[in-house]
Amino acid sequence: MILVLNCGSQSIKWKVFDQELNLAEEGSCVVLNQNNFQKLLENELKRASDLQIDMIAHRIVHGGKKFINSIKITDKNLIELEKLDHLAPLHNPFNILGIKACHNIFKGIPQFAVFDTEFFKDLPEKSYTYALPKNIAKEFDFKRYGFHGISHEFVAKKGAKLIKKTFNRIKIITCHLGGGASISAIKDGKAIDTSMGFTPLEGLVMMTRPGNIDAGIVLELAKEFGIEETNEILNKESGIKGICGESEMLRILEKIRNPEEPQRRRAESPDKGRTELALDVFVYSIQKYIGSYYAILGGCDLLVFTGAIGFGSEKIRNMICKDLNILKKTKVMAIETDEELAIAEKVLSIKY
């Protein structure tokens, strides 16, 4: 059986599949306090330890320049993976903790890494290149890597199948909208552009990340607060949370998770206007990307929404699609992603 572990800073998800990719067992938990992450992780893995696990696969968000394709994890490349933590600080360190915990609990079982960046490894040069001095870009490997690739590829293929189109002969825009959010343009089975870049900070407005902002703002923040605090501001205090505050951000998320529950009274909420503004800014950033990707694709056959917000909130989807006249001839679908299944499929194809 294959255990697939998907660790993030705020959640731990796992699924166990048999060799025919049938789901045998699954579990998940929300991480409210990162100090409890290790204990929660071990508790979840112990739930799977009674099963006959033959292989373990991990979602790794950032593979950097070195890790382009899925790999078997060794002591040597684990050391190299740890060097990439700074590129995706909300994800990679927790991915690594998952690998180490599995090493302790499932001794001797081979482990594999599947990268979010893999689907974007063949982006056109004009898409992945930043307009920076060539020697600096080369020295620091500055380029667009893209993220959520496992999800983008999975829902794009599934969407093409659902509308009975050949994946390699269709134009698709995929929107993965959750705590992190990204959009990809896919043509003839290959990603040709994606909104996230060198790190997951670029692109859309997200729950706690600002997305595209003037680089001059980053310089001013670093001058005022220093590099470490600026990193905290950009990764954990910006985006929707930055505009309307944490309590209102959590209210938005709760409404998305439980859309049938009646709206809470908010007459006393001083942030009501800020909440509406945050949603407007979020939706507007998505609409701009859809429009630009429609242009570079030369049209769009299929627009797919996925992720906790993209799949989970019809209201958000309607807000995004409203007044987008370019979508008149585009099939619009909401598809629930299954990154764990996609990871299991990739691992079975690895020759080692």
Protein backbone atom coordinates (compact mmCIF):
# COMPACT_ATOMS: atom_id res chain seq x y z
CA MET A 1 0.00 0.00 0.00
CA ILE A 2 1.04 3.61 -0.61
CA LEU A 3 0.87 6.20 2.16
CA VAL A 4 0.64 9.76 0.82
CA LEU A 5 1.42 12.51 3.32
CA ASN A 6 0.55 16.15 2.61
CA CYS A 7 1.86 18.45 5.35
CA GLY A 8 1.32 22.19 5.53
CA SER A 9 1.77 24.75 8.27
CA GLN A 10 -1.95 24.68 9.11
CA SER A 11 -3.02 21.15 8.20
CA ILE A 12 -1.89 17.54 7.97
CA LYS A 13 -3.60 15.26 5.44
CA TRP A 14 -2.87 11.65 4.56
CA LYS A 15 -4.37 8.90 2.45
CA VAL A 16 -3.49 5.25 1.92
CA PHE A 17 -4.07 3.64 -1.49
CA ASP A 18 -3.70 0.08 -2.67
CA GLN A 19 -1.74 -0.76 -5.82
CA GLU A 20 -4.87 -0.19 -7.93
CA LEU A 21 -5.17 3.29 -6.40
CA ASN A 22 -8.29 2.46 -4.43
CA LEU A 23 -8.56 4.49 -1.23
CA ALA A 24 -8.03 2.28 1.81
CA GLU A 25 -7.81 4.79 4.66
CA GLU A 26 -7.45 8.52 5.22
CA GLY A 27 -7.11 11.12 7.93
CA SER A 28 -6.48 14.79 8.53
CA CYS A 29 -6.21 17.40 11.22
CA VAL A 30 -6.03 21.18 11.50
CA VAL A 31 -2.93 22.68 13.09
CA LEU A 32 -4.02 25.65 15.21
CA ASN A 33 -0.69 26.01 16.98
CA GLN A 34 2.55 25.18 15.15
CA ASN A 35 4.15 24.24 18.48
CA ASN A 36 1.86 21.20 18.46
CA PHE A 37 2.69 20.21 14.89
CA GLN A 38 5.11 17.39 15.71
CA LYS A 39 2.75 15.73 18.19
CA LEU A 40 -0.25 15.99 15.85
CA LEU A 41 1.84 14.60 12.98
CA GLU A 42 2.97 11.59 14.99
CA ASN A 43 -0.58 10.90 16.13
CA GLU A 44 -1.85 10.93 12.54
CA LEU A 45 0.94 8.66 11.30
CA LYS A 46 0.35 6.16 14.10
CA ARG A 47 -3.19 5.79 12.80
CA ALA A 48 -1.72 4.54 9.52
CA SER A 49 1.03 2.42 11.08
CA ASP A 50 -1.21 -0.64 11.48
CA LEU A 51 -1.59 -0.90 7.70
CA GLN A 52 0.84 -2.75 5.46
CA ILE A 53 2.65 0.28 4.04
CA ASP A 54 5.08 -0.50 1.19
CA MET A 55 5.81 3.03 -0.06
CA ILE A 56 5.47 6.56 1.30
CA ALA A 57 5.05 9.65 -0.86
CA HIS A 58 5.24 13.30 0.13
CA ARG A 59 4.06 16.51 -1.46
CA ILE A 60 7.01 18.92 -1.52
CA VAL A 61 6.08 22.46 -2.49
CA HIS A 62 9.40 23.83 -3.76
CA GLY A 63 11.95 21.71 -5.59
CA GLY A 64 14.18 24.62 -6.57
CA LYS A 65 16.52 24.26 -9.53
CA LYS A 66 17.90 20.90 -8.40
CA PHE A 67 14.71 18.84 -8.09
CA ILE A 68 12.77 18.91 -11.34
CA ASN A 69 11.06 15.51 -11.29
CA SER A 70 9.71 13.20 -8.58
CA ILE A 71 12.50 11.38 -6.70
CA LYS A 72 13.21 8.64 -4.20
CA ILE A 73 14.34 10.27 -0.96
CA THR A 74 17.85 9.48 0.27
CA ASP A 75 19.87 10.90 3.15
CA LYS A 76 21.86 12.93 0.64
CA ASN A 77 18.98 14.56 -1.20
CA LEU A 78 17.10 15.15 2.06
CA ILE A 79 19.98 17.41 3.10
CA GLU A 80 19.63 19.24 -0.22
CA LEU A 81 15.86 19.53 0.22
CA GLU A 82 16.31 21.18 3.61
CA LYS A 83 18.35 23.93 1.97
CA LEU A 84 15.20 25.01 0.09
CA ASP A 85 13.15 25.79 3.22
CA HIS A 86 13.56 29.55 2.78
CA LEU A 87 11.92 29.44 -0.66
CA ALA A 88 8.58 28.21 0.72
CA PRO A 89 8.67 28.88 4.48
CA LEU A 90 5.00 28.07 5.03
CA HIS A 91 5.35 24.63 3.45
CA ASN A 92 8.77 23.10 2.85
CA PRO A 93 9.87 22.94 6.52
CA PHE A 94 6.69 21.04 7.37
CA ASN A 95 7.13 18.75 4.34
CA ILE A 96 10.58 17.89 5.70
CA LEU A 97 9.18 17.20 9.18
CA GLY A 98 6.80 14.73 7.55
CA ILE A 99 9.68 12.88 5.88
CA LYS A 100 11.62 12.64 9.13
CA ALA A 101 8.60 11.49 11.14
CA CYS A 102 7.89 8.74 8.60
CA HIS A 103 11.54 7.67 8.76
CA ASN A 104 11.14 7.11 12.51
CA ILE A 105 7.73 5.41 12.44
CA PHE A 106 8.00 3.41 9.19
CA LYS A 107 11.60 2.26 9.41
CA GLY A 108 13.08 0.94 6.17
CA ILE A 109 10.06 1.85 4.00
CA PRO A 110 11.12 3.73 0.82
CA GLN A 111 9.98 7.34 0.65
CA PHE A 112 9.41 9.55 -2.40
CA ALA A 113 9.01 13.26 -3.06
CA VAL A 114 6.58 14.70 -5.61
CA PHE A 115 7.04 18.39 -6.31
CA ASP A 116 4.46 21.13 -6.81
CA THR A 117 6.89 22.73 -9.23
CA GLU A 118 7.16 19.69 -11.55
CA PHE A 119 4.17 20.54 -13.76
CA PHE A 120 5.78 23.88 -14.61
CA LYS A 121 9.25 22.59 -15.50
CA ASP A 122 8.63 23.21 -19.22
CA LEU A 123 7.29 26.76 -19.02
CA PRO A 124 8.35 28.82 -22.05
CA GLU A 125 11.46 30.91 -21.46
CA LYS A 126 9.50 34.14 -21.97
CA SER A 127 7.16 33.04 -19.18
CA TYR A 128 9.67 31.93 -16.55
CA THR A 129 12.25 34.69 -17.11
CA TYR A 130 12.43 37.70 -14.79
CA ALA A 131 13.76 40.97 -16.23
CA LEU A 132 16.79 41.06 -13.94
CA PRO A 133 20.52 41.26 -14.71
CA LYS A 134 21.42 37.96 -16.34
CA ASN A 135 24.35 37.19 -14.05
CA ILE A 136 22.26 37.81 -10.90
CA ALA A 137 19.33 35.73 -12.15
CA LYS A 138 21.70 32.87 -12.95
CA GLU A 139 23.63 33.04 -9.66
CA PHE A 140 20.51 32.96 -7.48
CA ASP A 141 18.33 30.82 -9.79
CA PHE A 142 15.72 33.56 -10.04
CA LYS A 143 12.96 32.26 -12.33
CA ARG A 144 9.27 31.44 -12.21
CA TYR A 145 8.90 27.94 -10.73
CA GLY A 146 5.15 27.91 -10.13
CA PHE A 147 3.26 26.01 -7.42
CA HIS A 148 0.10 23.97 -6.82
CA GLY A 149 1.20 22.09 -9.94
CA ILE A 150 -0.03 18.73 -8.65
CA SER A 151 -3.52 20.18 -8.25
CA HIS A 152 -3.52 22.18 -11.50
CA GLU A 153 -2.53 19.14 -13.55
CA PHE A 154 -5.02 16.83 -11.80
CA VAL A 155 -8.11 19.04 -12.26
CA ALA A 156 -7.14 20.04 -15.80
CA LYS A 157 -6.94 16.41 -16.89
CA LYS A 158 -10.13 15.52 -15.07
CA GLY A 159 -11.95 18.52 -16.54
CA ALA A 160 -10.91 17.65 -20.08
CA LYS A 161 -12.15 14.11 -19.52
CA LEU A 162 -15.50 15.31 -18.13
CA ILE A 163 -16.21 17.43 -21.21
CA LYS A 164 -14.93 14.63 -23.46
CA LYS A 165 -11.99 16.58 -24.85
CA THR A 166 -8.42 15.40 -25.41
CA PHE A 167 -6.17 16.96 -22.76
CA ASN A 168 -3.39 17.51 -25.30
CA ARG A 169 -5.73 19.45 -27.61
CA ILE A 170 -7.50 21.90 -25.37
CA LYS A 171 -7.01 25.36 -23.83
CA ILE A 172 -7.60 25.42 -20.07
CA ILE A 173 -7.38 27.98 -17.27
CA THR A 174 -7.22 26.41 -13.81
CA CYS A 175 -7.82 28.38 -10.59
CA HIS A 176 -6.60 26.78 -7.36
CA LEU A 177 -8.12 28.98 -4.66
CA GLY A 178 -7.54 28.25 -1.00
CA GLY A 179 -5.37 29.71 1.74
CA GLY A 180 -2.80 29.95 -1.04
CA ALA A 181 -4.10 30.74 -4.51
CA SER A 182 -2.74 30.46 -8.03
CA ILE A 183 -3.90 30.36 -11.64
CA SER A 184 -2.39 28.48 -14.57
CA ALA A 185 -2.76 28.68 -18.33
CA ILE A 186 -2.57 25.25 -19.99
CA LYS A 187 -2.38 24.65 -23.72
CA ASP A 188 -2.18 21.28 -25.44
CA GLY A 189 -1.38 19.47 -22.21
CA LYS A 190 1.40 21.81 -21.03
CA ALA A 191 1.43 24.76 -18.64
CA ILE A 192 2.47 27.90 -20.51
CA ASP A 193 2.13 30.36 -17.63
CA THR A 194 1.26 30.43 -13.93
CA SER A 195 0.71 33.18 -11.39
CA MET A 196 3.09 32.11 -8.60
CA GLY A 197 6.75 32.64 -9.29
CA PHE A 198 10.14 32.20 -7.61
CA THR A 199 8.23 31.66 -4.35
CA PRO A 200 4.51 31.25 -3.54
CA LEU A 201 4.31 34.98 -2.71
CA GLU A 202 3.76 36.16 -6.27
CA GLY A 203 0.47 36.37 -8.12
CA LEU A 204 -3.02 36.50 -6.67
CA VAL A 205 -4.08 38.12 -3.42
CA MET A 206 -4.27 35.27 -0.88
CA MET A 207 -5.42 34.76 2.69
CA THR A 208 -2.17 35.98 4.29
CA ARG A 209 0.05 36.82 1.28
CA PRO A 210 -0.24 40.02 -0.78
CA GLY A 211 0.38 38.58 -4.22
CA ASN A 212 1.73 41.09 -6.75
CA ILE A 213 2.97 44.26 -5.09
CA ASP A 214 5.45 46.97 -6.08
CA ALA A 215 8.98 45.75 -5.29
CA GLY A 216 9.61 49.20 -3.87
CA ILE A 217 7.21 48.38 -1.03
CA VAL A 218 9.31 45.33 -0.17
CA LEU A 219 12.44 47.51 -0.10
CA GLU A 220 10.75 50.01 2.22
CA LEU A 221 9.52 47.25 4.52
CA ALA A 222 12.98 45.66 4.68
CA LYS A 223 14.53 49.04 5.44
CA GLU A 224 12.04 49.72 8.23
CA PHE A 225 11.58 46.27 9.78
CA GLY A 226 14.50 44.14 8.60
CA ILE A 227 14.47 41.01 6.47
CA GLU A 228 13.02 38.53 8.99
CA GLU A 229 10.07 40.69 10.06
CA THR A 230 9.38 41.65 6.45
CA ASN A 231 9.22 37.95 5.62
CA GLU A 232 6.65 37.49 8.42
CA ILE A 233 4.60 40.45 7.19
CA LEU A 234 4.51 39.24 3.58
CA ASN A 235 3.86 35.57 4.33
CA LYS A 236 1.61 35.72 7.39
CA GLU A 237 0.11 39.19 7.90
CA SER A 238 -0.87 40.42 4.44
CA GLY A 239 -3.50 39.48 1.83
CA ILE A 240 -7.12 39.29 2.99
CA LYS A 241 -5.96 39.17 6.60
CA GLY A 242 -3.99 42.37 6.11
CA ILE A 243 -6.95 44.23 4.65
CA CYS A 244 -9.73 43.19 7.03
CA GLY A 245 -8.05 41.65 10.09
CA GLU A 246 -7.68 38.07 11.27
CA SER A 247 -11.12 37.69 12.86
CA GLU A 248 -12.88 38.75 9.67
CA MET A 249 -10.61 36.54 7.56
CA LEU A 250 -11.57 33.56 9.73
CA ARG A 251 -15.24 34.50 9.37
CA ILE A 252 -14.86 34.48 5.59
CA LEU A 253 -13.25 31.05 5.71
CA GLU A 254 -15.94 29.70 8.03
CA LYS A 255 -18.68 30.95 5.69
CA ILE A 256 -16.96 29.20 2.78
CA ARG A 257 -16.65 25.93 4.73
CA ASN A 258 -20.28 26.07 5.92
CA PRO A 259 -22.22 27.91 3.19
CA GLU A 260 -25.60 26.63 4.42
CA GLU A 261 -25.25 28.21 7.85
CA PRO A 262 -27.13 31.50 8.30
CA GLN A 263 -25.08 34.67 8.04
CA ARG A 264 -23.97 35.93 11.42
CA ARG A 265 -25.09 39.37 12.48
CA ARG A 266 -22.34 41.82 11.70
CA ALA A 267 -23.97 45.17 12.53
CA GLU A 268 -21.51 45.61 15.36
CA SER A 269 -18.50 44.66 13.21
CA PRO A 270 -16.27 47.67 12.58
CA ASP A 271 -14.56 45.72 9.79
CA LYS A 272 -17.63 45.02 7.66
CA GLY A 273 -16.55 47.49 4.98
CA ARG A 274 -13.00 46.17 5.10
CA THR A 275 -14.27 42.60 4.68
CA GLU A 276 -16.19 43.54 1.55
CA LEU A 277 -13.13 45.39 0.25
CA ALA A 278 -10.90 42.36 0.91
CA LEU A 279 -13.22 40.11 -1.09
CA ASP A 280 -13.42 42.66 -3.90
CA VAL A 281 -9.62 42.91 -4.08
CA PHE A 282 -9.31 39.09 -4.02
CA VAL A 283 -11.87 38.62 -6.79
CA TYR A 284 -10.46 41.47 -8.88
CA SER A 285 -6.96 39.96 -8.82
CA ILE A 286 -8.37 36.66 -10.09
CA GLN A 287 -10.40 38.33 -12.85
CA LYS A 288 -7.30 40.13 -14.12
CA TYR A 289 -5.37 36.87 -14.41
CA ILE A 290 -8.23 35.06 -16.13
CA GLY A 291 -8.43 37.87 -18.69
CA SER A 292 -4.70 37.90 -19.35
CA TYR A 293 -4.51 34.12 -19.66
CA TYR A 294 -7.48 34.10 -22.02
CA ALA A 295 -5.47 36.48 -24.18
CA ILE A 296 -2.20 34.51 -24.22
CA LEU A 297 -4.06 31.24 -24.85
CA GLY A 298 -6.01 32.78 -27.71
CA GLY A 299 -9.30 31.75 -26.12
CA CYS A 300 -10.28 29.22 -23.49
CA ASP A 301 -12.25 25.97 -23.79
CA LEU A 302 -12.44 25.21 -20.08
CA LEU A 303 -12.18 27.23 -16.86
CA VAL A 304 -11.75 25.08 -13.74
CA PHE A 305 -12.11 26.17 -10.13
CA THR A 306 -10.64 24.04 -7.37
CA GLY A 307 -9.28 24.31 -3.83
CA ALA A 308 -11.20 24.98 -0.62
CA ILE A 309 -12.50 28.30 -1.95
CA GLY A 310 -12.55 27.65 -5.68
CA PHE A 311 -14.46 24.38 -5.37
CA GLY A 312 -16.12 25.14 -2.05
CA SER A 313 -17.71 28.53 -2.65
CA GLU A 314 -20.28 29.02 -5.42
CA LYS A 315 -20.64 32.63 -4.27
CA ILE A 316 -16.96 33.38 -4.93
CA ARG A 317 -17.12 31.63 -8.32
CA ASN A 318 -20.14 33.73 -9.29
CA MET A 319 -18.41 36.92 -8.17
CA ILE A 320 -15.38 36.05 -10.31
CA CYS A 321 -17.33 35.10 -13.43
CA LYS A 322 -19.75 38.04 -13.27
CA ASP A 323 -19.26 40.46 -16.16
CA LEU A 324 -16.47 38.34 -17.69
CA ASN A 325 -17.94 38.37 -21.19
CA ILE A 326 -14.98 36.40 -22.54
CA LEU A 327 -16.39 33.31 -20.83
CA LYS A 328 -19.51 33.11 -23.03
CA LYS A 329 -18.04 30.26 -25.05
CA THR A 330 -16.04 28.76 -22.17
CA LYS A 331 -17.17 25.76 -20.13
CA VAL A 332 -16.90 26.62 -16.42
CA MET A 333 -16.55 23.81 -13.87
CA ALA A 334 -15.84 23.31 -10.16
CA ILE A 335 -13.75 20.18 -9.58
CA GLU A 336 -12.58 18.93 -6.22
CA THR A 337 -8.84 18.35 -6.34
CA ASP A 338 -7.20 15.18 -5.02
CA GLU A 339 -3.51 15.90 -4.68
CA GLU A 340 -2.94 12.69 -2.73
CA LEU A 341 -4.33 10.53 -5.54
CA ALA A 342 -2.28 12.43 -8.11
CA ILE A 343 0.85 11.93 -5.99
CA ALA A 344 0.18 8.19 -5.66
CA GLU A 345 -0.18 7.91 -9.44
CA LYS A 346 3.16 9.64 -10.01
CA VAL A 347 4.99 7.51 -7.43
CA LEU A 348 3.82 4.30 -9.06
CA SER A 349 5.43 5.48 -12.31
CA ILE A 350 8.85 6.14 -10.73
CA LYS A 351 11.53 3.62 -11.62
CA TYR A 352 14.05 3.22 -8.80
